[in-house]
Amino acid sequence: MLKRMGNTFYWNNRKLGTICDDRFVTTRKKEHFYRKIGGFCFNKKMIYRFPVLEVNWIVVIYEAVKQKQELFKVSVEHLIDKGKIIKESEFEEQIALPLTDFDVHKK
């Protein structure tokens, strides 16, 4: 079940990320990478709330290798327009987007 407490979103007890100004910031590790599309997935219900909440950007802080982070940024509008809606049996309905659709910043 999707929950919002202040500016932070949760799915059941799992933290999805936090709204900071007009950005939704989330952290991901190697096991969160969705290999079928070569990118990341986001909770569909949460993403569809963002335009009403005036959230324009999604920022993913990705740590595939310990102590090495990459930042991926995409507009909410682009994610909704170009993302693929998926439903895996064990997860909620999500929107998936390949890394090629994100702006990448090495850190």
Protein backbone atom coordinates (compact mmCIF):
# COMPACT_ATOMS: atom_id res chain seq x y z
CA MET A 1 0.00 0.00 0.00
CA LEU A 2 1.31 3.46 -0.97
CA LYS A 3 1.66 5.87 1.96
CA ARG A 4 2.86 9.44 2.20
CA MET A 5 4.22 10.81 5.47
CA GLY A 6 5.20 14.45 5.07
CA ASN A 7 7.35 14.60 1.95
CA THR A 8 8.37 10.92 2.06
CA PHE A 9 6.62 8.10 0.19
CA TYR A 10 6.50 4.48 1.36
CA TRP A 11 5.25 1.24 -0.13
CA ASN A 12 4.22 -0.77 2.92
CA ASN A 13 7.27 -0.16 5.14
CA ARG A 14 9.78 0.34 2.31
CA LYS A 15 10.90 3.94 1.79
CA LEU A 16 10.57 4.98 -1.86
CA GLY A 17 12.04 8.48 -1.64
CA THR A 18 11.46 12.07 -0.60
CA ILE A 19 10.20 15.23 -2.28
CA CYS A 20 12.69 18.13 -2.09
CA ASP A 21 11.35 21.32 -3.71
CA ASP A 22 10.24 20.26 -7.22
CA ARG A 23 12.28 17.01 -7.20
CA PHE A 24 11.65 13.49 -5.98
CA VAL A 25 14.94 12.05 -4.70
CA THR A 26 15.40 8.31 -4.35
CA THR A 27 18.39 6.04 -3.72
CA ARG A 28 18.97 2.77 -5.54
CA LYS A 29 21.53 -0.01 -5.28
CA LYS A 30 22.64 -2.62 -7.78
CA GLU A 31 19.81 -4.99 -6.82
CA HIS A 32 17.24 -2.28 -7.72
CA PHE A 33 18.40 -2.10 -11.34
CA TYR A 34 15.75 -3.60 -13.64
CA ARG A 35 17.79 -5.59 -16.17
CA LYS A 36 14.88 -6.41 -18.49
CA ILE A 37 14.80 -2.79 -19.68
CA GLY A 38 18.22 -1.63 -18.50
CA GLY A 39 16.91 1.01 -16.11
CA PHE A 40 14.78 1.81 -13.10
CA CYS A 41 11.16 1.32 -12.08
CA PHE A 42 8.95 3.65 -10.08
CA ASN A 43 5.64 3.14 -8.31
CA LYS A 44 2.94 4.11 -10.83
CA LYS A 45 0.45 5.50 -8.29
CA MET A 46 3.14 7.72 -6.78
CA ILE A 47 4.38 9.02 -10.15
CA TYR A 48 0.86 9.94 -11.26
CA ARG A 49 0.48 12.07 -8.09
CA PHE A 50 3.57 14.15 -8.86
CA PRO A 51 2.03 16.64 -11.35
CA VAL A 52 -0.60 17.59 -8.74
CA LEU A 53 2.15 17.96 -6.11
CA GLU A 54 4.19 20.10 -8.55
CA VAL A 55 7.05 17.59 -8.61
CA ASN A 56 8.77 18.03 -11.98
CA TRP A 57 11.93 15.93 -11.69
CA ILE A 58 13.03 12.54 -10.44
CA VAL A 59 16.61 12.19 -9.22
CA VAL A 60 18.03 8.71 -8.66
CA ILE A 61 21.19 8.38 -6.56
CA TYR A 62 22.57 5.06 -7.77
CA GLU A 63 25.36 3.17 -6.02
CA ALA A 64 26.19 0.12 -8.16
CA VAL A 65 29.67 -0.17 -6.67
CA LYS A 66 30.46 0.72 -3.06
CA GLN A 67 31.60 4.33 -2.64
CA LYS A 68 30.84 5.20 -6.28
CA GLN A 69 27.61 7.02 -7.02
CA GLU A 70 25.94 8.15 -10.20
CA LEU A 71 23.05 10.59 -10.41
CA PHE A 72 20.28 10.00 -12.93
CA LYS A 73 17.70 12.70 -13.61
CA VAL A 74 14.51 12.60 -15.67
CA SER A 75 11.42 14.79 -15.87
CA VAL A 76 8.17 13.39 -14.52
CA GLU A 77 6.53 14.32 -17.82
CA HIS A 78 9.07 12.27 -19.81
CA LEU A 79 8.70 9.29 -17.46
CA ILE A 80 4.91 9.33 -17.84
CA ASP A 81 5.11 9.78 -21.65
CA LYS A 82 7.92 7.30 -22.43
CA GLY A 83 7.90 4.85 -19.51
CA LYS A 84 6.58 1.33 -19.86
CA ILE A 85 3.94 0.23 -17.36
CA ILE A 86 4.81 -3.17 -15.91
CA LYS A 87 3.28 -5.52 -13.38
CA GLU A 88 5.53 -8.14 -11.86
CA SER A 89 3.70 -10.63 -9.64
CA GLU A 90 5.50 -9.72 -6.41
CA PHE A 91 5.53 -5.92 -6.88
CA GLU A 92 3.04 -3.11 -7.30
CA GLU A 93 2.30 -1.69 -10.76
CA GLN A 94 5.33 0.32 -11.86
CA ILE A 95 6.63 2.54 -14.65
CA ALA A 96 9.97 1.40 -16.08
CA LEU A 97 12.41 3.60 -17.99
CA PRO A 98 15.79 2.66 -19.52
CA LEU A 99 18.92 4.57 -18.51
CA THR A 100 19.20 5.97 -22.03
CA ASP A 101 16.22 8.23 -21.19
CA PHE A 102 17.93 9.77 -18.13
CA ASP A 103 20.51 12.54 -17.85
CA VAL A 104 23.58 11.03 -16.17
CA HIS A 105 25.93 12.76 -13.74
CA LYS A 106 28.97 10.95 -12.33
CA LYS A 107 29.85 11.69 -8.73
